[in-house]
């Protein structure tokens, strides 16, 4: 399957898996958008810099430099890279971020620093993975009773403590 991908920034590097057979394709930072909150009005402001230092618990938008035309019946998930999460405490908010077939604007990862130290992000670095998913046609059917299960009405943690 071919996904139409339009580069939007001159430094854009094609999105591709790191290794043959990988489920996700790596996307790179092509810019930084800081959240500004003035007088109760929030907006994203592009920062003209080759790097951005994220403070603990701070988040920043990282444009990925491309737009797509995803075929109907498919969508993409934007997910964290495991190495960044483990070693630096960097994650992607709204995980998985969902890119629908009709979306035509520039893709962006919402990056958060969950560590207790500052982390510097640089343009061109791999920041997230994107994973193609297939839609399923479904409807919810309203019924009076659900079929029984072993778990029953057990909530979080009800399957055991290990």
Protein backbone atom coordinates (compact mmCIF):
# COMPACT_ATOMS: atom_id res chain seq x y z
CA UNK A 1 0.00 0.00 0.00
CA UNK A 2 1.25 3.47 -0.86
CA UNK A 3 0.36 6.39 1.45
CA UNK A 4 0.50 9.80 -0.28
CA UNK A 5 2.90 11.93 1.79
CA UNK A 6 3.53 15.61 1.06
CA UNK A 7 6.75 17.15 2.50
CA UNK A 8 6.01 20.56 4.06
CA UNK A 9 9.48 21.60 5.23
CA UNK A 10 12.74 21.64 3.28
CA UNK A 11 14.60 19.56 5.90
CA UNK A 12 11.94 16.78 5.87
CA UNK A 13 13.32 13.24 5.88
CA UNK A 14 11.05 10.47 4.59
CA UNK A 15 9.17 8.50 7.23
CA UNK A 16 10.22 4.86 7.21
CA UNK A 17 10.76 1.90 9.53
CA UNK A 18 14.25 1.65 11.08
CA UNK A 19 14.48 -2.03 10.18
CA UNK A 20 12.68 -4.22 7.68
CA UNK A 21 9.64 -5.78 9.32
CA UNK A 22 9.20 -3.09 12.03
CA UNK A 23 5.55 -2.25 12.77
CA UNK A 24 6.24 1.47 13.19
CA UNK A 25 7.91 4.06 11.01
CA UNK A 26 10.12 6.65 12.67
CA UNK A 27 9.19 10.32 12.34
CA UNK A 28 11.59 13.17 13.07
CA UNK A 29 11.32 16.57 14.73
CA UNK A 30 11.05 19.32 12.11
CA UNK A 31 10.23 22.19 14.48
CA UNK A 32 8.90 23.24 17.87
CA UNK A 33 5.58 24.82 18.85
CA UNK A 34 5.26 26.21 22.35
CA UNK A 35 1.93 26.57 24.12
CA UNK A 36 1.19 30.21 25.00
CA UNK A 37 -1.62 31.04 27.42
CA UNK A 38 -2.35 34.77 27.55
CA UNK A 39 -5.53 36.25 29.00
CA UNK A 40 -7.22 32.85 28.93
CA UNK A 41 -6.48 32.41 25.21
CA UNK A 42 -4.29 29.45 24.26
CA UNK A 43 -2.33 29.16 21.04
CA UNK A 44 0.70 27.44 19.57
CA UNK A 45 3.66 29.61 18.58
CA UNK A 46 6.42 28.25 16.31
CA UNK A 47 9.86 28.63 17.89
CA UNK A 48 12.70 29.42 15.49
CA UNK A 49 15.44 27.19 16.91
CA UNK A 50 17.32 24.01 16.09
CA UNK A 51 16.75 22.69 19.62
CA UNK A 52 14.35 23.00 22.53
CA UNK A 53 15.03 22.17 26.19
CA UNK A 54 12.02 20.61 27.89
CA UNK A 55 11.77 21.13 31.64
CA UNK A 56 10.36 18.32 33.81
CA UNK A 57 6.62 17.85 33.11
CA UNK A 58 6.70 20.42 30.29
CA UNK A 59 5.20 19.63 26.88
CA UNK A 60 5.88 20.98 23.41
CA UNK A 61 4.42 20.39 19.96
CA UNK A 62 6.91 18.90 17.51
CA UNK A 63 5.79 19.31 13.88
CA UNK A 64 6.86 16.32 11.79
CA UNK A 65 7.16 18.14 8.46
CA UNK A 66 4.60 16.31 6.34
CA UNK A 67 0.91 15.86 5.56
CA UNK A 68 -0.80 12.76 4.20
CA UNK A 69 -3.84 11.48 2.35
CA UNK A 70 -4.54 8.25 4.24
CA UNK A 71 -6.83 5.91 2.28
CA UNK A 72 -10.40 5.57 3.57
CA UNK A 73 -10.71 2.66 5.98
CA UNK A 74 -7.28 3.31 7.56
CA UNK A 75 -5.75 5.60 10.18
CA UNK A 76 -2.37 6.11 11.85
CA UNK A 77 -1.40 5.98 15.52
CA UNK A 78 1.39 8.29 16.78
CA UNK A 79 3.19 6.50 19.62
CA UNK A 80 6.32 7.02 21.76
CA UNK A 81 9.71 5.51 20.99
CA UNK A 82 10.59 3.04 23.75
CA UNK A 83 14.24 4.09 24.05
CA UNK A 84 13.34 7.75 24.62
CA UNK A 85 10.76 6.72 27.20
CA UNK A 86 13.14 4.44 29.10
CA UNK A 87 16.36 6.45 29.01
CA UNK A 88 15.11 10.05 28.95
CA UNK A 89 11.54 9.94 30.28
CA UNK A 90 10.22 11.40 27.02
CA UNK A 91 6.75 10.34 25.91
CA UNK A 92 3.99 11.35 23.53
CA UNK A 93 0.80 12.76 25.07
CA UNK A 94 -2.57 11.65 23.80
CA UNK A 95 -1.00 8.26 23.13
CA UNK A 96 -1.84 6.94 20.77
CA UNK A 97 -2.47 10.12 18.84
CA UNK A 98 -4.90 9.31 16.03
CA UNK A 99 -4.51 10.66 12.50
CA UNK A 100 -7.75 10.09 10.58
CA UNK A 101 -8.05 9.53 6.84
CA UNK A 102 -9.54 12.98 6.23
CA UNK A 103 -6.77 14.94 8.00
CA UNK A 104 -4.64 16.97 5.56
CA UNK A 105 -2.66 19.33 7.81
CA UNK A 106 0.92 18.88 9.08
CA UNK A 107 1.38 16.00 11.50
CA UNK A 108 2.63 16.89 14.98
CA UNK A 109 3.71 14.91 18.03
CA UNK A 110 2.84 16.31 21.47
CA UNK A 111 6.02 15.59 23.44
CA UNK A 112 6.23 15.57 27.26
CA UNK A 113 9.18 15.27 29.63
CA UNK A 114 8.15 12.87 32.41
CA UNK A 115 11.62 12.81 33.97
CA UNK A 116 12.96 14.95 36.81
CA UNK A 117 15.68 16.53 34.64
CA UNK A 118 15.75 18.84 31.64
CA UNK A 119 15.96 17.11 28.25
CA UNK A 120 17.09 18.85 25.05
CA UNK A 121 15.31 17.90 21.82
CA UNK A 122 16.96 18.62 18.46
CA UNK A 123 15.54 19.08 14.98
CA UNK A 124 16.10 15.97 12.90
CA UNK A 125 15.96 13.57 15.87
CA UNK A 126 13.60 10.61 15.73
CA UNK A 127 10.83 11.49 18.19
CA UNK A 128 7.95 9.05 17.64
CA UNK A 129 6.71 6.14 15.62
CA UNK A 130 3.66 6.03 13.41
CA UNK A 131 1.72 2.79 13.00
CA UNK A 132 -0.90 2.14 10.33
CA UNK A 133 -4.22 0.72 11.53
CA UNK A 134 -7.26 -0.61 9.72
CA UNK A 135 -10.74 0.62 10.58
CA UNK A 136 -13.49 -1.83 11.40
CA UNK A 137 -17.13 -1.12 10.67
CA UNK A 138 -19.11 -1.58 13.88
CA UNK A 139 -22.16 -0.44 15.80
CA UNK A 140 -23.01 -0.78 19.46
CA UNK A 141 -26.03 -2.96 20.13
CA UNK A 142 -28.06 -2.02 23.18
CA UNK A 143 -29.05 -5.08 25.25
CA UNK A 144 -30.56 -5.71 28.70
CA UNK A 145 -27.87 -8.07 30.09
CA UNK A 146 -24.25 -8.81 29.17
CA UNK A 147 -22.99 -12.38 28.95
CA UNK A 148 -21.15 -13.57 32.09
CA UNK A 149 -17.33 -13.66 32.27
CA UNK A 150 -14.75 -14.92 34.78
CA UNK A 151 -13.84 -11.34 35.66
CA UNK A 152 -17.42 -10.20 36.07
CA UNK A 153 -17.67 -6.72 37.55
CA UNK A 154 -14.05 -6.67 38.78
CA UNK A 155 -12.34 -3.36 38.11
CA UNK A 156 -8.73 -2.20 37.85
CA UNK A 157 -6.39 -4.63 39.58
CA UNK A 158 -9.04 -7.32 39.92
CA UNK A 159 -7.08 -9.89 37.90
CA UNK A 160 -4.42 -10.31 40.59
CA UNK A 161 -1.48 -8.62 42.23
CA UNK A 162 1.99 -9.44 40.95
